[in-house]
Protein backbone atom coordinates (compact mmCIF):
# COMPACT_ATOMS: atom_id res chain seq x y z
CA MET A 1 -0.32 -0.27 0.56
CA ILE A 2 3.00 2.08 0.57
CA ARG A 3 3.83 2.16 -2.83
CA MET A 4 0.90 2.68 -4.37
CA ALA A 5 0.49 5.45 -7.23
CA ASN A 6 -2.64 7.27 -6.88
CA ASN A 7 -3.15 8.66 -10.97
CA GLU A 8 -0.86 11.68 -10.84
CA LYS A 9 1.85 9.37 -9.90
CA ASN A 10 2.29 10.05 -6.25
CA THR A 11 2.70 7.92 -3.49
CA ALA A 12 2.48 8.20 -0.36
CA LEU A 13 5.71 9.96 0.60
CA HIS A 14 4.71 12.38 -2.74
CA GLU A 15 2.21 13.48 -1.20
CA ALA A 16 3.50 13.74 2.09
CA ALA A 17 6.56 15.65 0.64
CA CYS A 18 4.61 17.77 -0.80
CA CYS A 19 2.54 18.30 2.18
CA GLU A 20 5.80 18.99 3.45
CA ASN A 21 4.75 16.61 6.26
CA VAL A 22 7.62 15.46 8.16
CA ASP A 23 7.01 13.18 11.11
CA VAL A 24 5.00 11.02 8.06
CA VAL A 25 7.95 11.04 5.71
CA LYS A 26 9.63 9.50 8.27
CA ILE A 27 7.54 7.32 9.24
CA LEU A 28 7.01 6.20 5.14
CA THR A 29 10.75 6.38 5.16
CA LYS A 30 11.86 3.87 8.19
CA GLU A 31 8.72 1.43 7.26
CA ASP A 32 9.57 0.48 3.43
CA PRO A 33 13.50 2.32 3.49
CA ASP A 34 14.05 0.04 0.04
CA TYR A 35 12.14 1.52 -2.27
CA PRO A 36 13.86 4.13 -4.59
CA TYR A 37 10.23 5.68 -5.30
CA SER A 38 10.58 7.42 -9.40
CA ALA A 39 8.58 10.30 -10.97
CA ASN A 40 5.33 11.55 -10.22
CA ASN A 41 3.77 12.95 -13.46
CA TYR A 42 5.13 16.23 -12.76
CA GLY A 43 8.82 14.55 -13.09
CA LYS A 44 9.07 15.27 -9.38
CA THR A 45 10.95 12.34 -6.88
CA PRO A 46 10.18 12.93 -3.01
CA LEU A 47 13.40 14.68 -2.95
CA TYR A 48 12.77 17.28 -5.84
CA MET A 49 10.03 18.15 -3.77
CA ALA A 50 12.18 17.91 -0.34
CA ALA A 51 14.92 19.88 -1.02
CA GLU A 52 12.32 22.06 -3.36
CA SER A 53 9.96 22.89 -0.06
CA SER A 54 13.79 24.17 1.77
CA SER A 55 13.07 21.47 3.90
CA SER A 56 15.93 19.79 5.80
CA ASP A 57 14.79 17.62 7.84
CA MET A 58 12.38 15.91 4.71
CA VAL A 59 16.73 16.34 3.54
CA LEU A 60 17.92 14.39 5.65
CA ALA A 61 15.87 11.86 6.26
CA LEU A 62 15.44 10.62 2.56
CA LEU A 63 18.91 10.75 1.86
CA GLU A 64 19.23 8.34 5.40
CA LYS A 65 17.27 5.72 3.77
CA SER A 66 19.39 1.99 3.29
CA THR A 67 18.20 2.03 -0.73
CA PRO A 68 20.03 5.61 -2.67
CA VAL A 69 17.02 7.59 -3.29
CA SER A 70 16.33 8.83 -6.66
CA HIS A 71 16.83 12.65 -7.41
CA GLU A 72 15.31 13.94 -10.70
CA GLY A 73 12.94 17.05 -11.11
CA PRO A 74 11.25 18.74 -14.20
CA ASN A 75 12.57 20.16 -18.10
CA GLY A 76 15.92 18.02 -16.61
CA LYS A 77 16.36 19.16 -13.16
CA THR A 78 17.84 18.01 -9.68
CA ALA A 79 17.00 17.60 -6.47
CA LEU A 80 20.56 19.52 -5.90
CA HIS A 81 18.86 22.97 -8.62
CA ALA A 82 15.43 22.94 -6.44
CA ALA A 83 17.86 23.00 -3.66
CA ALA A 84 20.15 26.05 -4.93
CA MET A 85 16.81 27.78 -5.68
CA GLU A 86 15.29 27.39 -2.73
CA PHE A 87 17.89 27.46 0.88
CA ARG A 88 19.21 30.07 1.70
CA PHE A 89 22.21 28.56 4.43
CA ALA A 90 24.62 25.20 3.91
CA ASP A 91 23.15 23.26 6.56
CA ALA A 92 23.41 20.05 7.48
CA ALA A 93 21.07 18.89 5.18
CA LEU A 94 22.45 21.05 2.06
CA ARG A 95 25.88 19.02 2.80
CA LYS A 96 25.18 15.78 3.10
CA LEU A 97 22.61 15.73 0.03
CA VAL A 98 26.31 17.31 -2.30
CA GLU A 99 28.27 15.07 -0.40
CA GLU A 100 26.53 11.60 -1.46
CA LYS A 101 24.97 13.64 -4.85
CA LYS A 102 28.47 14.86 -5.61
CA LYS A 103 27.96 13.59 -9.41
CA MET A 104 24.80 16.66 -9.52
CA ILE A 105 27.23 19.41 -8.92
CA LYS A 106 27.77 19.42 -12.95
CA GLU A 107 24.62 18.37 -13.66
CA THR A 108 23.00 20.55 -16.61
CA ASP A 109 19.09 20.94 -17.27
CA GLN A 110 17.40 21.19 -21.04
CA TYR A 111 18.82 24.74 -20.46
CA GLY A 112 22.32 23.97 -20.59
CA TRP A 113 21.73 25.51 -16.59
CA THR A 114 23.84 24.04 -13.71
CA PRO A 115 23.03 24.22 -10.09
CA ILE A 116 25.71 26.61 -9.56
CA HIS A 117 23.85 28.84 -11.97
CA TYR A 118 20.80 28.45 -10.45
CA ALA A 119 22.59 29.75 -6.75
CA ALA A 120 24.34 32.39 -8.60
CA TYR A 121 20.91 34.03 -9.48
CA TYR A 122 19.10 34.08 -6.83
CA GLY A 123 22.57 35.31 -5.16
CA ASN A 124 23.07 31.98 -2.47
CA TYR A 125 26.48 32.32 -1.44
CA GLY A 126 27.03 30.09 0.27
CA MET A 127 25.43 26.85 -1.64
CA VAL A 128 27.20 28.73 -4.21
CA ASN A 129 30.82 28.80 -1.69
CA LEU A 130 29.49 24.95 -1.30
CA LEU A 131 29.33 23.46 -4.82
CA LEU A 132 32.41 25.15 -5.54
CA GLU A 133 34.78 23.53 -2.15
CA ILE A 134 33.73 20.48 -3.98
CA ASP A 135 34.69 20.94 -7.53
CA GLN A 136 36.23 24.44 -8.30
CA SER A 137 35.73 23.52 -11.91
CA ALA A 138 31.71 23.44 -11.95
CA SER A 139 32.20 27.07 -11.96
CA ASN A 140 33.95 26.73 -15.70
CA ILE A 141 30.26 25.46 -17.13
CA ALA A 142 28.29 28.04 -19.57
CA ASN A 143 24.37 28.05 -20.21
CA LYS A 144 22.59 27.09 -23.95
CA ASP A 145 21.69 29.79 -24.96
CA ARG A 146 23.86 32.79 -23.69
CA LYS A 147 26.77 31.27 -22.66
CA MET A 148 27.09 32.49 -19.30
CA THR A 149 28.63 30.87 -16.36
CA ALA A 150 28.00 31.51 -12.55
CA LEU A 151 30.06 34.55 -12.07
CA HIS A 152 27.89 36.94 -15.15
CA LEU A 153 24.91 35.75 -13.41
CA ALA A 154 25.58 36.40 -9.80
CA ALA A 155 27.07 39.61 -11.99
CA GLY A 156 24.32 40.69 -13.53
CA ARG A 157 21.93 40.08 -11.11
CA GLY A 158 24.03 42.56 -8.58
CA HIS A 159 24.71 39.88 -5.96
CA ALA A 160 28.38 41.16 -5.40
CA ARG A 161 29.55 39.07 -2.64
CA THR A 162 28.39 35.55 -4.38
CA VAL A 163 30.87 37.29 -7.03
CA GLU A 164 33.26 37.68 -4.28
CA THR A 165 33.16 34.34 -3.43
CA ILE A 166 33.53 33.12 -7.35
CA LEU A 167 36.14 34.94 -7.88
CA SER A 168 38.70 33.97 -4.36
CA LEU A 169 37.60 29.60 -4.99
CA SER A 170 37.59 29.38 -8.15
CA PRO A 171 40.01 32.87 -10.15
CA ASP A 172 40.67 31.05 -13.23
CA CYS A 173 36.96 31.48 -14.16
CA TYR A 174 37.35 35.29 -14.51
CA GLU A 175 38.34 36.06 -17.94
CA LEU A 176 35.77 34.24 -20.06
CA VAL A 177 33.06 35.52 -22.07
CA ASP A 178 29.26 34.46 -22.81
CA ASN A 179 28.26 34.54 -26.56
CA LYS A 180 27.79 38.54 -26.58
CA GLY A 181 31.98 38.83 -25.71
CA TRP A 182 31.01 39.60 -22.33
CA ASN A 183 32.47 39.22 -19.17
CA PHE A 184 31.49 39.55 -15.54
CA LEU A 185 32.85 43.19 -15.12
CA HIS A 186 30.95 44.41 -17.72
CA TYR A 187 27.57 43.03 -16.38
CA ALA A 188 29.01 44.15 -12.53
CA MET A 189 29.11 48.22 -14.44
CA VAL A 190 25.33 47.85 -15.19
CA SER A 191 23.96 46.21 -11.00
CA PHE A 192 26.42 46.51 -8.85
CA ARG A 193 26.11 50.18 -6.89
CA VAL A 194 28.67 52.90 -6.49
CA GLU A 195 30.11 51.94 -3.36
CA GLN A 196 30.38 47.70 -4.36
CA LEU A 197 32.14 48.60 -7.61
CA THR A 198 34.59 50.64 -5.85
CA ASN A 199 35.52 48.45 -3.04
CA LEU A 200 36.43 45.70 -5.63
CA LEU A 201 38.49 46.94 -8.45
CA GLU A 202 39.73 48.87 -5.48
CA ASN A 203 40.76 44.79 -4.00
CA ASN A 204 39.87 42.45 -6.96
CA PRO A 205 42.82 42.93 -9.48
CA LEU A 206 41.47 40.63 -11.92
CA ALA A 207 38.61 42.88 -11.97
CA ARG A 208 41.33 45.51 -12.79
CA SER A 209 42.69 43.34 -16.06
CA LEU A 210 38.91 43.66 -17.05
CA ILE A 211 38.64 47.22 -17.86
CA ASN A 212 39.99 47.80 -20.81
CA GLU A 213 38.57 44.43 -22.74
CA GLY A 214 36.54 44.64 -25.53
CA ASP A 215 33.57 42.34 -26.20
CA ALA A 216 32.15 41.44 -29.99
CA MET A 217 31.14 45.05 -30.87
CA GLU A 218 34.67 46.76 -28.60
CA ASN A 219 32.89 48.18 -25.84
CA THR A 220 34.87 47.83 -22.94
CA PRO A 221 32.68 47.60 -19.26
CA LEU A 222 33.71 51.67 -19.58
CA HIS A 223 31.30 52.26 -22.63
CA VAL A 224 28.70 49.97 -20.59
CA LEU A 225 29.55 52.18 -16.82
CA ALA A 226 29.24 55.69 -18.97
CA ALA A 227 26.63 55.33 -21.13
CA VAL A 228 24.05 53.58 -18.22
CA ARG A 229 25.56 55.76 -15.50
CA PRO A 230 27.76 58.62 -16.81
CA LYS A 231 26.51 61.13 -12.97
CA GLU A 232 28.56 57.82 -11.19
CA PHE A 233 31.39 57.25 -13.67
CA HIS A 234 34.12 59.42 -11.05
CA ALA A 235 32.99 57.99 -8.73
CA VAL A 236 33.01 54.58 -9.43
CA MET A 237 37.11 55.05 -11.51
CA ILE A 238 39.61 54.41 -8.35
CA LYS A 239 43.81 55.88 -9.11
CA LYS A 240 45.21 53.00 -8.99
CA THR A 241 43.30 51.48 -12.36
CA GLN A 242 44.97 51.64 -16.00
CA ALA A 243 41.81 53.08 -17.54
CA ASN A 244 41.87 54.09 -21.11
CA TYR A 245 39.14 56.59 -21.26
CA ASP A 246 39.90 57.26 -25.90
CA ALA A 247 38.84 53.44 -26.15
CA VAL A 248 37.06 52.87 -29.27
CA ASN A 249 34.29 50.30 -30.68
CA LYS A 250 33.49 49.32 -33.88
CA ARG A 251 31.34 51.69 -34.44
CA ASN A 252 34.41 54.54 -34.06
CA VAL A 253 32.79 55.63 -30.75
CA SER A 254 35.05 56.06 -27.69
CA VAL A 255 34.64 55.96 -23.45
CA ARG A 256 34.95 59.63 -22.94
CA HIS A 257 32.69 60.39 -25.87
CA ILE A 258 30.05 58.68 -23.65
CA PHE A 259 30.95 60.01 -20.87
CA SER A 260 30.34 63.89 -22.75
CA TYR A 261 27.38 62.80 -25.44
CA GLY A 262 25.33 59.64 -24.22
CA TYR A 263 24.96 56.54 -26.43
CA PRO A 264 21.31 56.19 -26.60
CA LYS A 265 21.75 52.50 -28.42
CA LEU A 266 24.04 50.99 -26.06
CA LYS A 267 21.91 51.67 -23.33
CA GLU A 268 18.89 51.05 -25.26
CA GLU A 269 20.65 47.19 -25.85
CA ILE A 270 21.17 47.26 -22.28
CA GLN A 271 17.30 48.00 -21.13
CA LYS A 272 16.66 45.35 -22.69
CA LEU A 273 18.51 42.60 -20.76
CA SER A 274 16.83 43.98 -17.36
CA LYS A 275 13.24 42.79 -19.68
CA ASP A 276 14.86 39.49 -20.72
CA PHE A 277 13.68 36.29 -19.44
CA GLY A 278 15.11 33.93 -22.24
CA ARG A 279 12.88 30.80 -22.60
CA GLY A 280 12.16 31.61 -18.86
CA GLN A 281 14.79 30.62 -16.56
CA TYR A 282 15.87 34.35 -16.01
CA SER A 283 12.92 34.39 -14.06
CA ASN A 284 14.09 37.81 -12.47
CA GLY A 285 15.68 39.50 -15.49
CA VAL A 286 18.88 39.33 -17.57
CA ILE A 287 20.37 41.93 -15.27
CA CYS A 288 18.86 44.41 -13.21
CA LYS A 289 19.15 47.68 -13.24
CA SER A 290 20.50 49.86 -10.81
CA GLU A 291 19.60 51.80 -7.61
CA LEU A 292 19.64 54.91 -9.72
CA GLU A 293 18.49 53.78 -13.34
CA TYR A 294 15.72 53.91 -14.74
CA ASN A 295 14.06 53.76 -18.25
CA ASP A 296 11.82 55.68 -19.86
CA ASP A 297 8.99 53.78 -18.87
CA THR A 298 9.32 55.08 -15.61
CA LYS A 299 9.38 58.71 -16.76
CA ASP A 300 6.18 57.81 -18.80
CA ASP A 301 4.72 56.88 -15.63
CA TYR A 302 5.75 59.88 -14.59
CA LYS A 303 4.27 61.82 -16.07
CA ASP A 304 1.26 60.20 -15.38
CA THR A 305 1.44 60.75 -11.38
CA ARG A 306 2.98 64.27 -11.76
CA GLU A 307 -0.19 66.26 -11.80
CA SER A 308 -2.11 64.00 -8.79
CA HIS A 309 0.45 65.23 -7.05
CA LEU A 310 1.03 68.50 -7.58
CA VAL A 311 -2.46 69.07 -6.98
CA VAL A 312 -1.75 67.31 -3.81
CA ALA A 313 0.74 69.24 -2.45
CA ALA A 314 -0.75 73.01 -4.22
CA LEU A 315 -4.35 72.52 -1.91
CA ILE A 316 -1.59 71.77 1.27
CA ALA A 317 -0.24 74.73 1.14
CA THR A 318 -3.31 76.61 -0.51
CA VAL A 319 -4.88 75.90 3.37
CA ALA A 320 -2.29 76.35 5.06
CA PHE A 321 -1.68 79.78 3.31
CA ALA A 322 -5.29 79.78 4.30
CA ALA A 323 -5.33 79.29 7.81
CA ALA A 324 -2.33 81.88 8.48
CA PHE A 325 -4.67 84.67 8.54
CA ALA A 326 -7.61 83.39 9.72
CA ILE A 327 -5.96 82.33 12.77
CA PRO A 328 -8.60 80.34 16.07
CA GLY A 329 -9.99 83.06 18.16
CA GLY A 330 -9.75 85.44 15.65
CA TYR A 331 -7.84 89.34 16.77
CA ARG A 332 -7.43 91.73 19.11
CA SER A 333 -8.87 95.57 17.49
CA GLU A 334 -6.99 97.86 19.28
CA ASN A 335 -3.40 96.54 17.66
CA GLY A 336 -4.44 93.68 15.51
CA THR A 337 -2.63 90.71 17.20
CA ALA A 338 -4.64 87.31 17.81
CA ILE A 339 -6.38 86.62 20.77
CA LEU A 340 -4.94 83.08 21.76
CA ARG A 341 -0.77 84.43 21.11
CA ARG A 342 -0.10 82.97 24.60
CA ASN A 343 -1.65 79.76 24.49
CA LYS A 344 0.34 76.99 24.39
CA ALA A 345 -2.19 74.90 21.51
CA PHE A 346 -2.23 77.80 19.63
CA GLN A 347 1.50 77.65 19.43
CA ALA A 348 1.68 74.82 18.72
CA PHE A 349 -0.64 75.22 15.97
CA ILE A 350 1.74 78.18 14.30
CA VAL A 351 4.36 75.60 14.39
CA ALA A 352 2.35 72.91 12.33
CA ASP A 353 0.94 75.72 10.02
CA SER A 354 4.74 77.18 9.54
CA ILE A 355 6.22 73.42 8.85
CA ALA A 356 2.96 72.65 6.29
CA MET A 357 3.11 74.65 4.12
CA VAL A 358 7.52 75.40 3.64
CA PHE A 359 6.84 70.88 3.45
CA SER A 360 4.05 71.75 0.58
CA LEU A 361 5.88 73.78 -0.98
CA SER A 362 9.15 72.03 -1.33
CA ALA A 363 7.24 68.61 -2.80
CA VAL A 364 5.97 72.20 -5.13
CA PHE A 365 9.57 72.94 -5.63
CA THR A 366 11.43 68.86 -6.37
CA HIS A 367 8.35 68.61 -9.11
CA PHE A 368 8.69 71.58 -10.94
CA PHE A 369 12.56 70.89 -10.33
CA LEU A 370 12.70 67.52 -11.52
CA SER A 371 10.09 68.01 -14.63
CA LEU A 372 12.71 70.68 -15.94
CA LYS A 373 15.69 68.35 -15.29
CA ILE A 374 13.33 65.69 -17.55
CA GLU A 375 13.53 67.37 -20.72
CA ALA A 376 16.80 68.92 -20.48
CA THR A 377 18.84 65.51 -19.64
CA LYS A 378 16.40 63.18 -20.59
CA ASP A 379 16.99 61.52 -17.26
CA PHE A 380 14.66 60.52 -14.30
CA ASP A 381 16.24 61.76 -11.23
CA GLY A 382 14.10 59.04 -8.80
CA ALA A 383 16.07 60.81 -5.22
CA LEU A 384 13.82 64.07 -6.53
CA PHE A 385 10.82 62.10 -6.98
CA GLY A 386 11.39 60.82 -2.83
CA ALA A 387 12.01 63.49 -1.59
CA SER A 388 9.33 65.43 -3.84
CA LEU A 389 6.93 62.69 -2.31
CA TRP A 390 8.38 62.05 1.18
CA PHE A 391 7.88 66.48 1.45
CA THR A 392 3.88 65.63 0.75
CA PHE A 393 3.47 63.08 3.37
CA PHE A 394 5.39 65.23 5.74
CA SER A 395 2.91 68.50 5.31
CA MET A 396 -0.39 66.52 5.84
CA GLY A 397 1.75 65.10 9.15
CA ALA A 398 1.62 68.82 10.61
CA MET A 399 -1.59 69.43 8.65
CA VAL A 400 -3.50 67.20 10.56
CA ILE A 401 -1.17 68.55 13.69
CA ALA A 402 -2.19 72.17 12.52
CA PHE A 403 -5.98 71.16 13.01
CA VAL A 404 -5.73 68.76 16.29
CA THR A 405 -4.13 72.08 18.34
CA GLY A 406 -5.73 75.09 16.86
CA THR A 407 -9.22 72.89 17.57
CA TYR A 408 -7.80 72.31 20.72
CA ALA A 409 -6.72 75.61 21.61
CA MET A 410 -10.54 76.72 20.58
CA LEU A 411 -12.68 74.59 22.68
CA VAL A 412 -10.29 73.87 25.37
CA PRO A 413 -12.95 75.32 28.36
CA SER A 414 -14.80 72.07 27.18
CA LEU A 415 -12.03 70.06 27.42
CA GLY A 416 -13.70 67.16 26.66
CA LEU A 417 -15.36 67.87 23.51
CA ALA A 418 -11.49 69.17 22.41
CA ILE A 419 -10.04 65.56 23.85
CA ILE A 420 -12.44 63.78 22.03
CA THR A 421 -11.71 66.33 18.70
CA CYS A 422 -7.63 65.79 19.04
CA LEU A 423 -8.26 62.18 19.01
CA ILE A 424 -10.30 62.00 15.87
CA GLY A 425 -7.91 63.80 14.58
CA LEU A 426 -5.11 62.03 15.17
CA SER A 427 -6.75 58.98 13.90
CA PHE A 428 -5.17 59.61 10.36
CA PHE A 429 -1.96 58.48 11.72
CA LEU A 430 -3.03 55.28 12.59
CA LEU A 431 -4.51 54.98 8.74
CA VAL A 432 -1.12 55.56 8.08
CA ILE A 433 0.38 52.85 9.86
CA TRP A 434 -1.87 50.60 8.83
CA THR A 435 -1.75 51.38 4.97
CA MET A 436 2.58 51.22 5.61
CA GLY A 437 1.81 47.65 6.11
CA LEU A 438 -0.46 46.36 3.83
C-alpha cells in the first residue's frame, strides 16, 4: 500500500513531501527503506520535492534510507538544482545532499544550467561556496542560450558577495565571456551599486585587469558604465585603475565621447536585458538595473502621476496659507495681534501650520525642478521624486497636527469635546500606520 500510486503517480511519500509533513516522511522512509521512488507525472521525486520546499529534516530523512533515493526533477533538473534555488544556508542536510550526490554538481537542465548557475542567479552565496569547495571546475560551465557562467549571472543580478565567493574559490573563470563577448565586469558595471563597484576595483586585481577588455563590438566595461551611469562614472573609477578613456568600439565611439554626449543605442540594448527572460529561466531578467538607473517607462509613469501629486501638494499649501491668516480665536481690535498668542496649543498650531506650508511648497518646487531636469537631460532622478513624496507626506502630517492643536486651543473650555476632537484628528496617523503595513 505504501508503494501504490494515484493517477498523478504520487505515492504516499510524494504526498507527504508535497505537504511538507516531516513526521509522515520519517515514518514512511522507516517502514519502506528499500524503495527508490520514481518521479511522478510532473517529473518530481520525493527528494526533489523536499529540496524544493527547503526542508532540511525531510532531505535528511530521505537521504538516510538504505537504498539510494532518486533525485530527478522536471525539465532535466535535479534535487540539487531545487536546493540551489531554495536553500538559503549551507546546513547539514544540504552538505549531505552535495556529498552523496556529487555527480549532480555538473548536471545541467534543459537550459544548460547547473546548480551553481541557479545559486549564483538567486544570490545564494552559501550554496555557491559549498559547491565550489567540492568541485571548482563547475564555475567554468556556460549555459546554452547566452553562454553565461555562474559568475556572469551573479554579476548581472548585482550579487556582489556571490561574485567575491566565486572569484576567491575559482579565479580561473574570471576571463570567460558570454555570446556577446561580455565578461563579468561588463555586467557588474550595470548592476552593482557604486560602493560595490569601487570595492571590487580597489580590492580585486582580476577585475581591474578586465577594465579595458572589449566585447564582440569592442565595447569595454567603461563604455557600458559611461552609457548607463554617467553621473556615477567618476565615483566608480579609482586611481590605481589603468583605464583607457580613448578606447573606441567598432562604431568608432570612445568612452570619453559617451561620457560627454551619451550613447542611446548601447543604453537601449542594455535596458532590454532587464526585461529579457529568455525561455523562462531568467525569472527576473538577465540583469537588474542599478538603483539610480531608470528607463523611459519610469519617466512616462512619472508624467502620469505628477499632476495628482501636484494637486495634493498645492492644496495643502493653499489651506496652510489661509489658516495662517484666519487664525483660531481671532485678533485684538486695538493692535491686530492674535487673542490666543500666549496659549501653548495655539503656538503649536502656528508652528505646525508653518511646517505644512514649507513642506508642501518644497514638494511643488521639487516636482517643478524634476520636470525641468527631465526635459533637459532626459534622465529621471528617482532621488528627487522620492524626496517630493516625503515632502508631501510630512506636510500632510503637519496639517493634521495644526488642525488638532488649533481645534484644542479654541475648545479648551469644553475639555471633553476638545479631547474627543483631538483623538479623532490623530486617528489619521493610525490610518497611515495601517496602510504602510499592507
